[in-house]
Amino acid sequence: MNMTRPSNPRALAIGLAIILTAPAALADPQFSAEMVQRGADGKSTTGQIAVGEGRLRTETLHQGQSLVRIGDEKRGVEWILFPERKNYMERSTLGPDGKAMAKPTAQDPCAGMPGVSCQRKGEEQVSGRAALVWEITATQMGKTMSTTQWIDKERGPSFPLRQTMAGGGKMERVALGEEVLSGRKTEKWRLDLTGPDGKTMSTTEWYDPELKMAIKQEYPGGIVSELTSIQIGPQADEIFSIPAGYTRIEPPQPSAPAPRQ
């Protein structure tokens, strides 16, 4: 996913919301699954995911070619592999001090996030679950924006229950009951995201308590992402390593801006 720096206050608020609802850690159980995404046109794309102990591997198609990403939290490294060309790129995921970066938790949702500060405001019940209330402030490109977030006390920052943003936007997670999906017991939730203009878009997700992640999401416009053929169990070490015969290449450098005339 390509990330761009927000250039205005509204974009900064949206970016802050995205940052604070991103998964904080890999799921605890080791498993493998097939990733399926269906577009609004009904066409599907598939890939694979494998989660090991502190390690993650995904394989997808990008512009008609295989793209493999391997992340290793213990080693603090991520590799991007191009199987057709038998080469790979490498980047460090360690902090500036050369150590593993701290992970956000319900008790410290700002851990490992430079430029973001958190102030605890109390504890409340939201959608039948205990939530810690945090005022979170982020500064980017000289602009500062704040949001209040109700973070699930047990599940942490990857499971926000409510959020209000500067400018009037808000997010609310609404419980819709339990449902068996692909043979797995899940919780069904609706995420309502309301913009400053009062318009609301909703996403439905099926949260798997054992995997500690959503295994299906339905987005506005008919787009669906889903994990299928889930197999719980230890994953082989070799799938998280670079195969023999691969050559390391350097990532492309951003081009310098053209000189002003």
C-alpha atoms as a PDB file:
ATOM      1  CA  MET A   1       0.000   0.000   0.000  1.00  0.00           C
ATOM      2  CA  ASN A   2       1.384   3.380  -0.937  1.00  0.00           C
ATOM      3  CA  MET A   3       1.215   5.933   1.856  1.00  0.00           C
ATOM      4  CA  THR A   4       1.301   9.668   1.207  1.00  0.00           C
ATOM      5  CA  ARG A   5       1.721  12.473   3.691  1.00  0.00           C
ATOM      6  CA  PRO A   6      -1.512  14.323   4.483  1.00  0.00           C
ATOM      7  CA  SER A   7      -1.423  17.836   3.026  1.00  0.00           C
ATOM      8  CA  ASN A   8      -4.439  19.338   4.794  1.00  0.00           C
ATOM      9  CA  PRO A   9      -6.142  19.069   8.225  1.00  0.00           C
ATOM     10  CA  ARG A  10      -8.930  16.768   7.021  1.00  0.00           C
ATOM     11  CA  ALA A  11      -6.445  14.409   5.390  1.00  0.00           C
ATOM     12  CA  LEU A  12      -4.334  14.470   8.552  1.00  0.00           C
ATOM     13  CA  ALA A  13      -7.362  13.491  10.640  1.00  0.00           C
ATOM     14  CA  ILE A  14      -8.178  10.626   8.284  1.00  0.00           C
ATOM     15  CA  GLY A  15      -4.546   9.529   8.273  1.00  0.00           C
ATOM     16  CA  LEU A  16      -4.478   9.582  12.063  1.00  0.00           C
ATOM     17  CA  ALA A  17      -7.572   7.401  12.151  1.00  0.00           C
ATOM     18  CA  ILE A  18      -5.944   4.905   9.797  1.00  0.00           C
ATOM     19  CA  ILE A  19      -2.722   4.814  11.825  1.00  0.00           C
ATOM     20  CA  LEU A  20      -4.536   4.199  15.079  1.00  0.00           C
ATOM     21  CA  THR A  21      -6.744   1.395  13.776  1.00  0.00           C
ATOM     22  CA  ALA A  22      -3.929  -0.550  12.104  1.00  0.00           C
ATOM     23  CA  PRO A  23      -3.140  -4.030  13.477  1.00  0.00           C
ATOM     24  CA  ALA A  24      -0.717  -3.721  16.385  1.00  0.00           C
ATOM     25  CA  ALA A  25       0.740  -7.211  16.200  1.00  0.00           C
ATOM     26  CA  LEU A  26       0.587 -10.530  14.449  1.00  0.00           C
ATOM     27  CA  ALA A  27      -2.102 -12.972  15.501  1.00  0.00           C
ATOM     28  CA  ASP A  28      -1.013 -15.324  18.304  1.00  0.00           C
ATOM     29  CA  PRO A  29      -1.878 -18.719  16.731  1.00  0.00           C
ATOM     30  CA  GLN A  30       0.213 -19.863  13.804  1.00  0.00           C
ATOM     31  CA  PHE A  31      -1.898 -20.494  10.713  1.00  0.00           C
ATOM     32  CA  SER A  32      -2.105 -20.406   6.942  1.00  0.00           C
ATOM     33  CA  ALA A  33      -4.981 -19.343   4.722  1.00  0.00           C
ATOM     34  CA  GLU A  34      -5.998 -18.234   1.266  1.00  0.00           C
ATOM     35  CA  MET A  35      -6.702 -14.537   0.792  1.00  0.00           C
ATOM     36  CA  VAL A  36      -9.607 -13.691  -1.497  1.00  0.00           C
ATOM     37  CA  GLN A  37     -10.676 -10.245  -2.631  1.00  0.00           C
ATOM     38  CA  ARG A  38     -13.753  -9.626  -4.750  1.00  0.00           C
ATOM     39  CA  GLY A  39     -14.213  -6.306  -6.479  1.00  0.00           C
ATOM     40  CA  ALA A  40     -17.387  -4.401  -7.197  1.00  0.00           C
ATOM     41  CA  ASP A  41     -17.325  -5.937 -10.691  1.00  0.00           C
ATOM     42  CA  GLY A  42     -17.493  -9.446  -9.196  1.00  0.00           C
ATOM     43  CA  LYS A  43     -13.960 -10.382 -10.243  1.00  0.00           C
ATOM     44  CA  SER A  44     -11.779 -12.113  -7.664  1.00  0.00           C
ATOM     45  CA  THR A  45      -8.077 -12.105  -6.907  1.00  0.00           C
ATOM     46  CA  THR A  46      -6.428 -14.611  -4.593  1.00  0.00           C
ATOM     47  CA  GLY A  47      -3.244 -14.920  -2.584  1.00  0.00           C
ATOM     48  CA  GLN A  48      -1.781 -16.775   0.369  1.00  0.00           C
ATOM     49  CA  ILE A  49      -0.903 -15.812   3.922  1.00  0.00           C
ATOM     50  CA  ALA A  50       1.105 -17.660   6.553  1.00  0.00           C
ATOM     51  CA  VAL A  51       1.584 -16.467  10.125  1.00  0.00           C
ATOM     52  CA  GLY A  52       4.399 -17.970  12.188  1.00  0.00           C
ATOM     53  CA  GLU A  53       5.849 -17.038  15.552  1.00  0.00           C
ATOM     54  CA  GLY A  54       6.523 -13.336  15.062  1.00  0.00           C
ATOM     55  CA  ARG A  55       6.738 -13.866  11.304  1.00  0.00           C
ATOM     56  CA  LEU A  56       4.394 -13.140   8.416  1.00  0.00           C
ATOM     57  CA  ARG A  57       4.439 -14.172   4.759  1.00  0.00           C
ATOM     58  CA  THR A  58       2.019 -13.074   2.054  1.00  0.00           C
ATOM     59  CA  GLU A  59       2.020 -13.963  -1.629  1.00  0.00           C
ATOM     60  CA  THR A  60      -0.052 -12.007  -4.125  1.00  0.00           C
ATOM     61  CA  LEU A  61      -0.105 -11.060  -7.789  1.00  0.00           C
ATOM     62  CA  HIS A  62       1.059  -7.573  -8.766  1.00  0.00           C
ATOM     63  CA  GLN A  63       0.782  -6.509 -12.403  1.00  0.00           C
ATOM     64  CA  GLY A  64       0.611 -10.155 -13.425  1.00  0.00           C
ATOM     65  CA  GLN A  65       3.683 -11.272 -11.455  1.00  0.00           C
ATOM     66  CA  SER A  66       4.084 -12.944  -8.060  1.00  0.00           C
ATOM     67  CA  LEU A  67       5.019 -10.688  -5.152  1.00  0.00           C
ATOM     68  CA  VAL A  68       6.080 -12.221  -1.822  1.00  0.00           C
ATOM     69  CA  ARG A  69       6.486 -10.214   1.376  1.00  0.00           C
ATOM     70  CA  ILE A  70       8.164 -11.732   4.439  1.00  0.00           C
ATOM     71  CA  GLY A  71       8.325  -9.923   7.768  1.00  0.00           C
ATOM     72  CA  ASP A  72      10.383 -11.169  10.712  1.00  0.00           C
ATOM     73  CA  GLU A  73       9.784  -9.239  13.944  1.00  0.00           C
ATOM     74  CA  LYS A  74      12.598 -10.956  15.853  1.00  0.00           C
ATOM     75  CA  ARG A  75      15.209 -10.091  13.211  1.00  0.00           C
ATOM     76  CA  GLY A  76      13.695  -6.688  12.544  1.00  0.00           C
ATOM     77  CA  VAL A  77      13.645  -7.130   8.777  1.00  0.00           C
ATOM     78  CA  GLU A  78      11.214  -7.255   5.869  1.00  0.00           C
ATOM     79  CA  TRP A  79      11.934  -8.789   2.474  1.00  0.00           C
ATOM     80  CA  ILE A  80      10.076  -8.267  -0.795  1.00  0.00           C
ATOM     81  CA  LEU A  81      10.675 -11.135  -3.217  1.00  0.00           C
ATOM     82  CA  PHE A  82      10.108 -11.238  -6.981  1.00  0.00           C
ATOM     83  CA  PRO A  83      10.015 -14.990  -7.793  1.00  0.00           C
ATOM     84  CA  GLU A  84       9.960 -14.600 -11.591  1.00  0.00           C
ATOM     85  CA  ARG A  85      13.156 -12.543 -11.480  1.00  0.00           C
ATOM     86  CA  LYS A  86      14.688 -14.398  -8.497  1.00  0.00           C
ATOM     87  CA  ASN A  87      15.681 -11.217  -6.688  1.00  0.00           C
ATOM     88  CA  TYR A  88      14.586  -9.414  -3.551  1.00  0.00           C
ATOM     89  CA  MET A  89      14.712  -6.119  -1.654  1.00  0.00           C
ATOM     90  CA  GLU A  90      15.374  -5.767   2.054  1.00  0.00           C
ATOM     91  CA  ARG A  91      14.486  -3.117   4.601  1.00  0.00           C
ATOM     92  CA  SER A  92      14.993  -2.843   8.344  1.00  0.00           C
ATOM     93  CA  THR A  93      11.982  -2.607  10.641  1.00  0.00           C
ATOM     94  CA  LEU A  94      14.110  -1.702  13.662  1.00  0.00           C
ATOM     95  CA  GLY A  95      13.961   1.667  15.351  1.00  0.00           C
ATOM     96  CA  PRO A  96      16.623   4.417  15.035  1.00  0.00           C
ATOM     97  CA  ASP A  97      18.485   2.861  17.986  1.00  0.00           C
ATOM     98  CA  GLY A  98      18.801  -0.455  16.172  1.00  0.00           C
ATOM     99  CA  LYS A  99      16.359  -2.169  18.525  1.00  0.00           C
ATOM    100  CA  ALA A 100      12.890  -3.561  17.908  1.00  0.00           C
ATOM    101  CA  MET A 101      10.276  -0.822  18.090  1.00  0.00           C
ATOM    102  CA  ALA A 102       7.747  -0.945  20.914  1.00  0.00           C
ATOM    103  CA  LYS A 103       4.234  -2.075  19.942  1.00  0.00           C
ATOM    104  CA  PRO A 104       1.095  -0.097  20.776  1.00  0.00           C
ATOM    105  CA  THR A 105      -1.059  -1.602  23.540  1.00  0.00           C
ATOM    106  CA  ALA A 106      -4.302  -0.675  25.248  1.00  0.00           C
ATOM    107  CA  GLN A 107      -2.196   0.736  28.104  1.00  0.00           C
ATOM    108  CA  ASP A 108       0.100   2.685  25.729  1.00  0.00           C
ATOM    109  CA  PRO A 109      -1.427   3.136  22.259  1.00  0.00           C
ATOM    110  CA  CYS A 110       1.327   5.564  21.225  1.00  0.00           C
ATOM    111  CA  ALA A 111       4.245   3.179  21.803  1.00  0.00           C
ATOM    112  CA  GLY A 112       6.610   3.076  18.828  1.00  0.00           C
ATOM    113  CA  MET A 113       4.834   5.951  17.036  1.00  0.00           C
ATOM    114  CA  PRO A 114       7.079   9.040  16.740  1.00  0.00           C
ATOM    115  CA  GLY A 115       5.235  12.342  16.684  1.00  0.00           C
ATOM    116  CA  VAL A 116       2.156  10.895  18.409  1.00  0.00           C
ATOM    117  CA  SER A 117       1.296  11.494  22.088  1.00  0.00           C
ATOM    118  CA  CYS A 118      -1.417   9.930  24.250  1.00  0.00           C
ATOM    119  CA  GLN A 119      -3.260  11.129  27.366  1.00  0.00           C
ATOM    120  CA  ARG A 120      -5.548   8.725  29.194  1.00  0.00           C
ATOM    121  CA  LYS A 121      -9.036  10.071  29.976  1.00  0.00           C
ATOM    122  CA  GLY A 122     -10.683   7.180  31.807  1.00  0.00           C
ATOM    123  CA  GLU A 123     -12.549   3.931  31.193  1.00  0.00           C
ATOM    124  CA  GLU A 124     -16.050   3.348  29.780  1.00  0.00           C
ATOM    125  CA  GLN A 125     -18.306   0.614  28.421  1.00  0.00           C
ATOM    126  CA  VAL A 126     -18.853   0.667  24.653  1.00  0.00           C
ATOM    127  CA  SER A 127     -20.871  -1.977  22.762  1.00  0.00           C
ATOM    128  CA  GLY A 128     -20.829  -4.123  25.885  1.00  0.00           C
ATOM    129  CA  ARG A 129     -17.028  -4.131  26.174  1.00  0.00           C
ATOM    130  CA  ALA A 130     -14.612  -2.336  28.511  1.00  0.00           C
ATOM    131  CA  ALA A 131     -12.789   0.487  26.739  1.00  0.00           C
ATOM    132  CA  LEU A 132      -9.909   2.743  27.758  1.00  0.00           C
ATOM    133  CA  VAL A 133     -10.443   6.348  26.629  1.00  0.00           C
ATOM    134  CA  TRP A 134      -7.420   8.118  25.145  1.00  0.00           C
ATOM    135  CA  GLU A 135      -6.874  11.578  23.700  1.00  0.00           C
ATOM    136  CA  ILE A 136      -4.318  11.091  20.940  1.00  0.00           C
ATOM    137  CA  THR A 137      -2.435  13.928  19.279  1.00  0.00           C
ATOM    138  CA  ALA A 138      -0.323  13.711  16.121  1.00  0.00           C
ATOM    139  CA  THR A 139       1.818  16.285  14.387  1.00  0.00           C
ATOM    140  CA  GLN A 140       2.718  16.019  10.701  1.00  0.00           C
ATOM    141  CA  MET A 141       4.252  18.688   8.470  1.00  0.00           C
ATOM    142  CA  GLY A 142       3.757  21.317  11.154  1.00  0.00           C
ATOM    143  CA  LYS A 143       0.036  20.590  11.615  1.00  0.00           C
ATOM    144  CA  THR A 144      -1.372  19.120  14.821  1.00  0.00           C
ATOM    145  CA  MET A 145      -4.619  17.183  15.065  1.00  0.00           C
ATOM    146  CA  SER A 146      -6.238  15.362  17.970  1.00  0.00           C
ATOM    147  CA  THR A 147      -8.650  12.474  18.223  1.00  0.00           C
ATOM    148  CA  THR A 148     -10.338  10.706  21.128  1.00  0.00           C
ATOM    149  CA  GLN A 149     -10.359   6.941  20.898  1.00  0.00           C
ATOM    150  CA  TRP A 150     -12.111   4.267  22.969  1.00  0.00           C
ATOM    151  CA  ILE A 151      -9.727   1.297  22.757  1.00  0.00           C
ATOM    152  CA  ASP A 152     -10.900  -2.202  23.656  1.00  0.00           C
ATOM    153  CA  LYS A 153      -9.205  -2.921  26.999  1.00  0.00           C
ATOM    154  CA  GLU A 154      -8.605  -6.600  26.182  1.00  0.00           C
ATOM    155  CA  ARG A 155      -7.913  -6.471  22.433  1.00  0.00           C
ATOM    156  CA  GLY A 156      -5.931  -3.262  22.256  1.00  0.00           C
ATOM    157  CA  PRO A 157      -5.429  -0.648  19.495  1.00  0.00           C
ATOM    158  CA  SER A 158      -6.238  -3.099  16.696  1.00  0.00           C
ATOM    159  CA  PHE A 159      -9.842  -3.095  17.958  1.00  0.00           C
ATOM    160  CA  PRO A 160     -11.039   0.498  18.543  1.00  0.00           C
ATOM    161  CA  LEU A 161     -14.669   0.681  19.644  1.00  0.00           C
ATOM    162  CA  ARG A 162     -15.283   4.385  19.059  1.00  0.00           C
ATOM    163  CA  GLN A 163     -13.383   7.387  17.788  1.00  0.00           C
ATOM    164  CA  THR A 164     -14.112  11.079  17.413  1.00  0.00           C
ATOM    165  CA  MET A 165     -11.910  13.215  15.179  1.00  0.00           C
ATOM    166  CA  ALA A 166     -11.193  16.905  14.779  1.00  0.00           C
ATOM    167  CA  GLY A 167     -13.594  18.503  12.361  1.00  0.00           C
ATOM    168  CA  GLY A 168     -16.580  16.420  13.467  1.00  0.00           C
ATOM    169  CA  GLY A 169     -15.825  12.991  12.022  1.00  0.00           C
ATOM    170  CA  LYS A 170     -16.413   9.889  14.103  1.00  0.00           C
ATOM    171  CA  MET A 171     -16.256   6.095  14.029  1.00  0.00           C
ATOM    172  CA  GLU A 172     -18.497   3.710  15.956  1.00  0.00           C
ATOM    173  CA  ARG A 173     -18.256  -0.087  16.159  1.00  0.00           C
ATOM    174  CA  VAL A 174     -21.643  -1.786  16.559  1.00  0.00           C
ATOM    175  CA  ALA A 175     -22.021  -5.424  17.637  1.00  0.00           C
ATOM    176  CA  LEU A 176     -24.310  -7.478  15.383  1.00  0.00           C
ATOM    177  CA  GLY A 177     -24.083 -10.851  17.136  1.00  0.00           C
ATOM    178  CA  GLU A 178     -22.189 -14.062  16.477  1.00  0.00           C
ATOM    179  CA  GLU A 179     -21.940 -16.021  13.235  1.00  0.00           C
ATOM    180  CA  VAL A 180     -20.193 -19.173  12.024  1.00  0.00           C
ATOM    181  CA  LEU A 181     -18.070 -18.376   8.975  1.00  0.00           C
ATOM    182  CA  SER A 182     -16.107 -21.059   7.126  1.00  0.00           C
ATOM    183  CA  GLY A 183     -16.581 -23.322  10.131  1.00  0.00           C
ATOM    184  CA  ARG A 184     -15.176 -20.745  12.558  1.00  0.00           C
ATOM    185  CA  LYS A 185     -17.011 -18.904  15.321  1.00  0.00           C
ATOM    186  CA  THR A 186     -16.856 -15.176  14.671  1.00  0.00           C
ATOM    187  CA  GLU A 187     -18.275 -11.941  16.017  1.00  0.00           C
ATOM    188  CA  LYS A 188     -20.053  -9.800  13.446  1.00  0.00           C
ATOM    189  CA  TRP A 189     -19.454  -6.051  13.711  1.00  0.00           C
ATOM    190  CA  ARG A 190     -20.460  -2.972  11.740  1.00  0.00           C
ATOM    191  CA  LEU A 191     -18.052  -0.030  11.586  1.00  0.00           C
ATOM    192  CA  ASP A 192     -19.827   3.257  10.894  1.00  0.00           C
ATOM    193  CA  LEU A 193     -17.493   6.041   9.719  1.00  0.00           C
ATOM    194  CA  THR A 194     -19.194   9.436   9.653  1.00  0.00           C
ATOM    195  CA  GLY A 195     -17.521  12.386   7.976  1.00  0.00           C
ATOM    196  CA  PRO A 196     -17.716  16.060   9.003  1.00  0.00           C
ATOM    197  CA  ASP A 197     -20.521  16.473   6.451  1.00  0.00           C
ATOM    198  CA  GLY A 198     -22.674  13.964   8.358  1.00  0.00           C
ATOM    199  CA  LYS A 199     -22.529  11.293   5.667  1.00  0.00           C
ATOM    200  CA  THR A 200     -21.888   7.769   6.936  1.00  0.00           C
ATOM    201  CA  MET A 201     -20.155   4.826   5.260  1.00  0.00           C
ATOM    202  CA  SER A 202     -20.302   1.387   6.839  1.00  0.00           C
ATOM    203  CA  THR A 203     -18.012  -1.619   6.737  1.00  0.00           C
ATOM    204  CA  THR A 204     -19.036  -5.029   8.060  1.00  0.00           C
ATOM    205  CA  GLU A 205     -16.427  -7.353   9.503  1.00  0.00           C
ATOM    206  CA  TRP A 206     -16.332 -10.832  10.979  1.00  0.00           C
ATOM    207  CA  TYR A 207     -13.838 -10.916  13.860  1.00  0.00           C
ATOM    208  CA  ASP A 208     -12.237 -14.237  14.804  1.00  0.00           C
ATOM    209  CA  PRO A 209     -11.448 -14.172  18.573  1.00  0.00           C
ATOM    210  CA  GLU A 210      -8.961 -17.052  18.284  1.00  0.00           C
ATOM    211  CA  LEU A 211      -6.965 -15.423  15.490  1.00  0.00           C
ATOM    212  CA  LYS A 212      -7.516 -11.967  17.000  1.00  0.00           C
ATOM    213  CA  MET A 213      -8.291 -10.459  13.606  1.00  0.00           C
ATOM    214  CA  ALA A 214     -11.116 -10.000  11.109  1.00  0.00           C
ATOM    215  CA  ILE A 215     -11.314 -12.886   8.642  1.00  0.00           C
ATOM    216  CA  LYS A 216     -13.884 -11.175   6.412  1.00  0.00           C
ATOM    217  CA  GLN A 217     -14.642  -7.557   5.599  1.00  0.00           C
ATOM    218  CA  GLU A 218     -17.325  -6.080   3.353  1.00  0.00           C
ATOM    219  CA  TYR A 219     -16.587  -2.521   2.242  1.00  0.00           C
ATOM    220  CA  PRO A 220     -18.839   0.123   0.652  1.00  0.00           C
ATOM    221  CA  GLY A 221     -19.256  -0.427  -3.060  1.00  0.00           C
ATOM    222  CA  GLY A 222     -19.395  -4.206  -2.834  1.00  0.00           C
ATOM    223  CA  ILE A 223     -15.696  -4.932  -2.250  1.00  0.00           C
ATOM    224  CA  VAL A 224     -15.088  -8.014  -0.085  1.00  0.00           C
ATOM    225  CA  SER A 225     -11.842  -9.282   1.502  1.00  0.00           C
ATOM    226  CA  GLU A 226     -11.835 -12.710   3.112  1.00  0.00           C
ATOM    227  CA  LEU A 227      -9.569 -15.436   4.487  1.00  0.00           C
ATOM    228  CA  THR A 228     -10.620 -18.947   3.490  1.00  0.00           C
ATOM    229  CA  SER A 229      -9.218 -22.474   3.966  1.00  0.00           C
ATOM    230  CA  ILE A 230      -7.786 -21.459   7.348  1.00  0.00           C
ATOM    231  CA  GLN A 231      -5.443 -24.096   8.779  1.00  0.00           C
ATOM    232  CA  ILE A 232      -4.252 -23.688  12.378  1.00  0.00           C
ATOM    233  CA  GLY A 233      -0.798 -25.091  13.144  1.00  0.00           C
ATOM    234  CA  PRO A 234       2.967 -24.460  13.124  1.00  0.00           C
ATOM    235  CA  GLN A 235       4.418 -23.051   9.901  1.00  0.00           C
ATOM    236  CA  ALA A 236       7.649 -24.351   8.337  1.00  0.00           C
ATOM    237  CA  ASP A 237      10.717 -22.169   8.941  1.00  0.00           C
ATOM    238  CA  GLU A 238      11.797 -22.288   5.295  1.00  0.00           C
ATOM    239  CA  ILE A 239       8.787 -20.344   4.031  1.00  0.00           C
ATOM    240  CA  PHE A 240      10.030 -17.328   6.018  1.00  0.00           C
ATOM    241  CA  SER A 241      13.506 -17.427   4.440  1.00  0.00           C
ATOM    242  CA  ILE A 242      14.912 -16.218   1.125  1.00  0.00           C
ATOM    243  CA  PRO A 243      15.248 -19.174  -1.275  1.00  0.00           C
ATOM    244  CA  ALA A 244      18.684 -20.108  -2.603  1.00  0.00           C
ATOM    245  CA  GLY A 245      19.687 -18.426  -5.842  1.00  0.00           C
ATOM    246  CA  TYR A 246      18.006 -15.068  -5.160  1.00  0.00           C
ATOM    247  CA  THR A 247      19.968 -11.841  -5.677  1.00  0.00           C
ATOM    248  CA  ARG A 248      19.539  -8.779  -3.503  1.00  0.00           C
ATOM    249  CA  ILE A 249      18.690  -5.522  -5.282  1.00  0.00           C
ATOM    250  CA  GLU A 250      18.400  -2.008  -3.904  1.00  0.00           C
ATOM    251  CA  PRO A 251      14.992  -0.317  -3.752  1.00  0.00           C
ATOM    252  CA  PRO A 252      14.454   2.464  -6.292  1.00  0.00           C
ATOM    253  CA  GLN A 253      15.426   5.895  -5.032  1.00  0.00           C
ATOM    254  CA  PRO A 254      12.928   8.754  -5.329  1.00  0.00           C
ATOM    255  CA  SER A 255      13.815  11.041  -8.196  1.00  0.00           C
ATOM    256  CA  ALA A 256      15.020  14.528  -7.338  1.00  0.00           C
ATOM    257  CA  PRO A 257      12.619  17.374  -8.150  1.00  0.00           C
ATOM    258  CA  ALA A 258      13.363  19.209 -11.367  1.00  0.00           C
ATOM    259  CA  PRO A 259      15.221  22.505 -10.829  1.00  0.00           C
ATOM    260  CA  ARG A 260      13.113  25.627 -11.027  1.00  0.00           C
ATOM    261  CA  GLN A 261      13.594  27.707 -14.130  1.00  0.00           C
END
